[in-house]
C-alpha cells in the first residue's frame, strides 16, 4: 500500500530565510535540509529560481526608495519601482512571495 503524505508548502519568506542561512550565514545545505525536512534537490531548485530571477531587481527602473510615498498615493508605500510593478519585478517566481532584495 502507498502512504499518502501531505505535502508541505513553504511561503516565500520561509524559502528566503532558508536560502539566506546558507548564503549569508554559511550553514551547510545538508544541515538546512535535515532541519527543514526537505530534499537537497528542492533546496537547489529554490536557489536556481532565486538567481535566475534576481537580475530583474537590478534591471528594474529606479524610483523613489522603499517606504517613500509618491504624490497622489494616499500614503501608500512605494517599493522602489512602483506599485504592482514592484511586486512583479521583486518576486522572482510566482511560487515566491518575497522580493529577492530581502536576501541581504
N, C-alpha and C. Protein backbone atom coordinates (compact mmCIF):
# COMPACT_ATOMS: atom_id res chain seq x y z
N UNK A 1 0.84 -1.18 0.00
CA UNK A 1 0.00 0.00 0.00
C UNK A 1 0.88 1.24 0.00
N UNK A 2 0.39 2.26 -0.62
CA UNK A 2 1.15 3.50 -0.65
C UNK A 2 0.64 4.45 0.43
N UNK A 3 1.57 5.12 1.05
CA UNK A 3 1.16 6.09 2.08
C UNK A 3 0.96 7.44 1.41
N UNK A 4 -0.09 8.11 1.81
CA UNK A 4 -0.37 9.43 1.25
C UNK A 4 0.08 10.47 2.25
N UNK A 5 1.24 11.00 1.99
CA UNK A 5 1.82 12.01 2.87
C UNK A 5 1.48 13.38 2.31
N UNK A 6 0.92 14.21 3.16
CA UNK A 6 0.52 15.55 2.72
C UNK A 6 1.75 16.40 2.47
N UNK A 7 1.77 17.11 1.34
CA UNK A 7 2.89 17.97 1.01
C UNK A 7 2.89 19.22 1.88
N UNK A 8 4.09 19.63 2.25
CA UNK A 8 4.23 20.89 2.97
C UNK A 8 4.51 21.99 1.96
N UNK A 9 4.01 23.15 2.21
CA UNK A 9 4.24 24.30 1.33
C UNK A 9 4.95 25.38 2.13
N UNK A 10 6.05 25.86 1.58
CA UNK A 10 6.81 26.92 2.22
C UNK A 10 6.44 28.25 1.59
N UNK A 11 6.28 29.26 2.42
CA UNK A 11 6.00 30.60 1.90
C UNK A 11 7.29 31.16 1.30
N UNK A 12 7.15 32.23 0.56
CA UNK A 12 8.32 32.90 0.00
C UNK A 12 9.28 33.34 1.08
N UNK A 13 8.74 33.85 2.17
CA UNK A 13 9.58 34.31 3.28
C UNK A 13 10.35 33.14 3.90
N UNK A 14 9.71 32.00 4.01
CA UNK A 14 10.39 30.83 4.57
C UNK A 14 11.52 30.36 3.65
N UNK A 15 11.25 30.36 2.34
CA UNK A 15 12.27 29.95 1.38
C UNK A 15 13.46 30.90 1.42
N UNK A 16 13.19 32.19 1.46
CA UNK A 16 14.25 33.19 1.52
C UNK A 16 15.07 33.02 2.80
N UNK A 17 14.40 32.78 3.91
CA UNK A 17 15.10 32.60 5.18
C UNK A 17 16.04 31.39 5.12
N UNK A 18 15.59 30.32 4.50
CA UNK A 18 16.42 29.12 4.38
C UNK A 18 17.61 29.40 3.47
N UNK A 19 17.36 30.01 2.31
CA UNK A 19 18.45 30.35 1.40
C UNK A 19 19.44 31.31 2.04
N UNK A 20 18.92 32.27 2.76
CA UNK A 20 19.78 33.26 3.42
C UNK A 20 20.73 32.60 4.42
N UNK A 21 20.20 31.66 5.18
CA UNK A 21 21.05 30.98 6.17
C UNK A 21 22.22 30.29 5.50
N UNK A 22 22.00 29.74 4.32
CA UNK A 22 23.09 29.09 3.60
C UNK A 22 24.04 30.12 3.00
N UNK A 23 23.50 31.10 2.29
CA UNK A 23 24.33 32.04 1.54
C UNK A 23 25.03 33.08 2.42
N UNK A 24 24.38 33.53 3.46
CA UNK A 24 24.95 34.58 4.31
C UNK A 24 25.61 34.00 5.56
N UNK A 25 24.90 33.10 6.22
CA UNK A 25 25.41 32.56 7.48
C UNK A 25 26.27 31.31 7.27
N UNK A 26 26.36 30.84 6.02
CA UNK A 26 27.22 29.70 5.66
C UNK A 26 26.83 28.37 6.34
N UNK A 27 25.54 28.21 6.61
CA UNK A 27 25.05 26.94 7.17
C UNK A 27 25.06 25.92 6.03
N UNK A 28 25.65 24.74 6.23
CA UNK A 28 25.69 23.74 5.16
C UNK A 28 24.29 23.33 4.69
N UNK A 29 24.20 23.08 3.38
CA UNK A 29 22.93 22.68 2.78
C UNK A 29 22.39 21.42 3.47
N UNK A 30 23.26 20.48 3.75
CA UNK A 30 22.81 19.23 4.39
C UNK A 30 22.15 19.49 5.74
N UNK A 31 22.71 20.43 6.50
CA UNK A 31 22.12 20.76 7.80
C UNK A 31 20.75 21.41 7.64
N UNK A 32 20.64 22.33 6.70
CA UNK A 32 19.36 23.01 6.46
C UNK A 32 18.29 22.02 5.99
N UNK A 33 18.68 21.14 5.08
CA UNK A 33 17.72 20.17 4.55
C UNK A 33 17.24 19.22 5.64
N UNK A 34 18.14 18.81 6.49
CA UNK A 34 17.75 17.93 7.59
C UNK A 34 16.83 18.66 8.57
N UNK A 35 17.19 19.89 8.89
CA UNK A 35 16.40 20.69 9.83
C UNK A 35 14.98 20.94 9.34
N UNK A 36 14.85 21.22 8.05
CA UNK A 36 13.53 21.57 7.48
C UNK A 36 12.86 20.39 6.79
N UNK A 37 13.50 19.23 6.85
CA UNK A 37 12.96 18.01 6.25
C UNK A 37 12.63 18.21 4.77
N UNK A 38 13.62 18.73 4.04
CA UNK A 38 13.46 18.90 2.60
C UNK A 38 14.59 18.17 1.90
N UNK A 39 14.36 17.82 0.66
CA UNK A 39 15.35 17.16 -0.16
C UNK A 39 16.33 18.22 -0.68
N UNK A 40 17.63 17.93 -0.73
CA UNK A 40 18.58 18.90 -1.27
C UNK A 40 18.24 19.37 -2.68
N UNK A 41 17.62 18.49 -3.46
CA UNK A 41 17.21 18.88 -4.81
C UNK A 41 16.24 20.05 -4.76
N UNK A 42 15.33 20.05 -3.80
CA UNK A 42 14.37 21.14 -3.65
C UNK A 42 15.11 22.42 -3.27
N UNK A 43 16.05 22.31 -2.33
CA UNK A 43 16.83 23.49 -1.94
C UNK A 43 17.52 24.09 -3.16
N UNK A 44 18.17 23.28 -3.97
CA UNK A 44 18.90 23.79 -5.13
C UNK A 44 17.96 24.33 -6.20
N UNK A 45 16.75 23.80 -6.28
CA UNK A 45 15.76 24.36 -7.21
C UNK A 45 15.37 25.77 -6.77
N UNK A 46 15.14 25.95 -5.47
CA UNK A 46 14.83 27.29 -4.95
C UNK A 46 15.97 28.25 -5.25
N UNK A 47 17.19 27.80 -5.02
CA UNK A 47 18.35 28.66 -5.25
C UNK A 47 18.48 29.03 -6.72
N UNK A 48 18.23 28.07 -7.60
CA UNK A 48 18.29 28.32 -9.04
C UNK A 48 17.25 29.36 -9.44
N UNK A 49 16.03 29.21 -8.95
CA UNK A 49 14.97 30.18 -9.25
C UNK A 49 15.37 31.56 -8.75
N UNK A 50 15.95 31.61 -7.58
CA UNK A 50 16.38 32.87 -6.98
C UNK A 50 17.36 33.59 -7.90
N UNK A 51 18.40 32.89 -8.33
CA UNK A 51 19.43 33.51 -9.14
C UNK A 51 18.96 33.80 -10.57
N UNK A 52 18.09 32.98 -11.11
CA UNK A 52 17.58 33.23 -12.46
C UNK A 52 16.74 34.50 -12.51
N UNK A 53 15.99 34.77 -11.47
CA UNK A 53 15.09 35.92 -11.47
C UNK A 53 15.65 37.12 -10.71
N UNK A 54 16.74 36.94 -9.99
CA UNK A 54 17.30 38.02 -9.19
C UNK A 54 17.75 39.22 -10.00
N UNK A 55 18.22 39.01 -11.22
CA UNK A 55 18.71 40.10 -12.05
C UNK A 55 17.59 41.09 -12.38
N UNK A 56 16.36 40.65 -12.34
CA UNK A 56 15.23 41.52 -12.64
C UNK A 56 15.22 42.73 -11.70
N UNK A 57 15.60 42.52 -10.47
CA UNK A 57 15.62 43.61 -9.49
C UNK A 57 16.61 44.69 -9.91
N UNK A 58 17.79 44.26 -10.38
CA UNK A 58 18.81 45.22 -10.76
C UNK A 58 18.52 45.90 -12.08
N UNK A 59 17.75 45.24 -12.94
CA UNK A 59 17.41 45.81 -14.24
C UNK A 59 16.16 46.69 -14.19
N UNK A 60 15.46 46.68 -13.07
CA UNK A 60 14.22 47.45 -12.93
C UNK A 60 14.52 48.94 -12.95
N UNK A 61 13.59 49.73 -13.48
CA UNK A 61 13.77 51.18 -13.48
C UNK A 61 13.86 51.69 -12.04
N UNK A 62 14.73 52.64 -11.83
CA UNK A 62 14.92 53.19 -10.49
C UNK A 62 13.81 54.17 -10.17
N UNK A 63 13.38 54.15 -8.94
CA UNK A 63 12.33 55.05 -8.48
C UNK A 63 12.65 55.51 -7.07
N UNK A 64 11.69 56.10 -6.41
CA UNK A 64 11.89 56.51 -5.01
C UNK A 64 12.25 55.30 -4.16
N UNK A 65 12.99 55.54 -3.09
CA UNK A 65 13.41 54.47 -2.19
C UNK A 65 12.24 53.79 -1.52
N UNK A 66 12.49 52.65 -0.88
CA UNK A 66 11.44 51.92 -0.19
C UNK A 66 10.77 52.76 0.90
N UNK A 67 9.50 52.51 1.08
CA UNK A 67 8.68 53.15 2.11
C UNK A 67 8.50 54.65 1.91
N UNK A 68 8.79 55.15 0.72
CA UNK A 68 8.54 56.57 0.47
C UNK A 68 7.22 56.70 -0.27
N UNK A 69 6.49 57.69 0.10
CA UNK A 69 5.20 57.92 -0.52
C UNK A 69 5.38 58.73 -1.78
N UNK A 70 4.63 58.39 -2.80
CA UNK A 70 4.66 59.12 -4.06
C UNK A 70 3.38 59.92 -4.14
N UNK A 71 3.47 61.17 -4.56
CA UNK A 71 2.30 62.04 -4.61
C UNK A 71 1.07 61.38 -5.20
N UNK A 72 -0.07 61.56 -4.54
CA UNK A 72 -1.33 61.03 -5.03
C UNK A 72 -1.58 59.58 -4.65
N UNK A 73 -0.75 58.99 -3.85
CA UNK A 73 -0.95 57.59 -3.47
C UNK A 73 -1.62 57.46 -2.12
N UNK A 74 -1.90 58.55 -1.48
CA UNK A 74 -2.62 58.48 -0.22
C UNK A 74 -1.84 57.78 0.87
N UNK A 75 -0.52 57.96 0.89
CA UNK A 75 0.29 57.38 1.95
C UNK A 75 0.71 55.95 1.72
N UNK A 76 0.37 55.38 0.57
CA UNK A 76 0.80 54.01 0.30
C UNK A 76 2.31 54.00 0.10
N UNK A 77 2.94 52.96 0.59
CA UNK A 77 4.38 52.84 0.42
C UNK A 77 4.70 52.44 -1.00
N UNK A 78 5.73 53.05 -1.55
CA UNK A 78 6.22 52.67 -2.86
C UNK A 78 7.44 51.80 -2.63
N UNK A 79 7.52 50.67 -3.28
CA UNK A 79 8.60 49.73 -3.00
C UNK A 79 9.72 49.84 -4.02
N UNK A 80 10.05 51.04 -4.45
CA UNK A 80 11.24 51.23 -5.27
C UNK A 80 10.97 51.34 -6.74
N UNK A 81 10.06 50.56 -7.30
CA UNK A 81 9.81 50.63 -8.73
C UNK A 81 8.36 50.91 -9.06
N UNK A 82 7.52 51.04 -8.05
CA UNK A 82 6.17 51.50 -8.29
C UNK A 82 5.08 50.47 -8.27
N UNK A 83 4.27 50.49 -7.24
CA UNK A 83 3.01 49.75 -7.13
C UNK A 83 3.08 48.28 -7.51
N UNK A 84 2.11 47.86 -8.35
CA UNK A 84 2.00 46.46 -8.76
C UNK A 84 3.26 46.00 -9.49
N UNK A 85 3.86 46.90 -10.27
CA UNK A 85 5.07 46.53 -10.98
C UNK A 85 6.16 46.11 -10.01
N UNK A 86 6.22 46.73 -8.85
CA UNK A 86 7.24 46.39 -7.85
C UNK A 86 7.07 44.95 -7.42
N UNK A 87 5.85 44.55 -7.17
CA UNK A 87 5.61 43.19 -6.74
C UNK A 87 6.01 42.20 -7.82
N UNK A 88 5.72 42.54 -9.08
CA UNK A 88 6.06 41.65 -10.18
C UNK A 88 7.56 41.60 -10.42
N UNK A 89 8.23 42.75 -10.27
CA UNK A 89 9.67 42.80 -10.50
C UNK A 89 10.42 42.11 -9.39
N UNK A 90 10.01 42.36 -8.14
CA UNK A 90 10.74 41.81 -7.00
C UNK A 90 10.51 40.33 -6.82
N UNK A 91 9.35 39.84 -7.13
CA UNK A 91 9.08 38.42 -6.94
C UNK A 91 9.70 37.66 -8.10
N UNK A 92 10.60 36.74 -7.80
CA UNK A 92 11.32 36.07 -8.86
C UNK A 92 10.67 34.79 -9.30
N UNK A 93 9.55 34.45 -8.74
CA UNK A 93 8.79 33.30 -9.17
C UNK A 93 7.38 33.44 -8.62
N UNK A 94 6.42 32.95 -9.31
CA UNK A 94 5.05 33.03 -8.80
C UNK A 94 4.93 32.26 -7.50
N UNK A 95 5.79 31.28 -7.29
CA UNK A 95 5.76 30.48 -6.07
C UNK A 95 6.30 31.27 -4.88
N UNK A 96 7.09 32.31 -5.15
CA UNK A 96 7.74 33.08 -4.10
C UNK A 96 7.00 34.38 -3.92
N UNK A 97 6.74 34.74 -2.69
CA UNK A 97 6.03 35.98 -2.43
C UNK A 97 6.94 37.05 -1.85
N UNK A 98 8.21 36.76 -1.66
CA UNK A 98 9.13 37.72 -1.06
C UNK A 98 10.10 38.23 -2.11
N UNK A 99 10.42 39.50 -2.06
CA UNK A 99 11.35 40.04 -3.03
C UNK A 99 12.78 39.56 -2.75
N UNK A 100 13.56 39.32 -3.81
CA UNK A 100 14.93 38.87 -3.62
C UNK A 100 15.77 39.83 -2.82
N UNK A 101 15.41 41.11 -2.80
CA UNK A 101 16.21 42.08 -2.07
C UNK A 101 16.20 41.80 -0.56
N UNK A 102 15.37 40.87 -0.10
CA UNK A 102 15.34 40.52 1.32
C UNK A 102 16.49 39.59 1.68
N UNK A 103 17.18 39.07 0.68
CA UNK A 103 18.25 38.12 0.95
C UNK A 103 19.35 38.78 1.76
N UNK A 104 19.72 39.97 1.41
CA UNK A 104 20.82 40.64 2.10
C UNK A 104 20.24 41.82 2.78
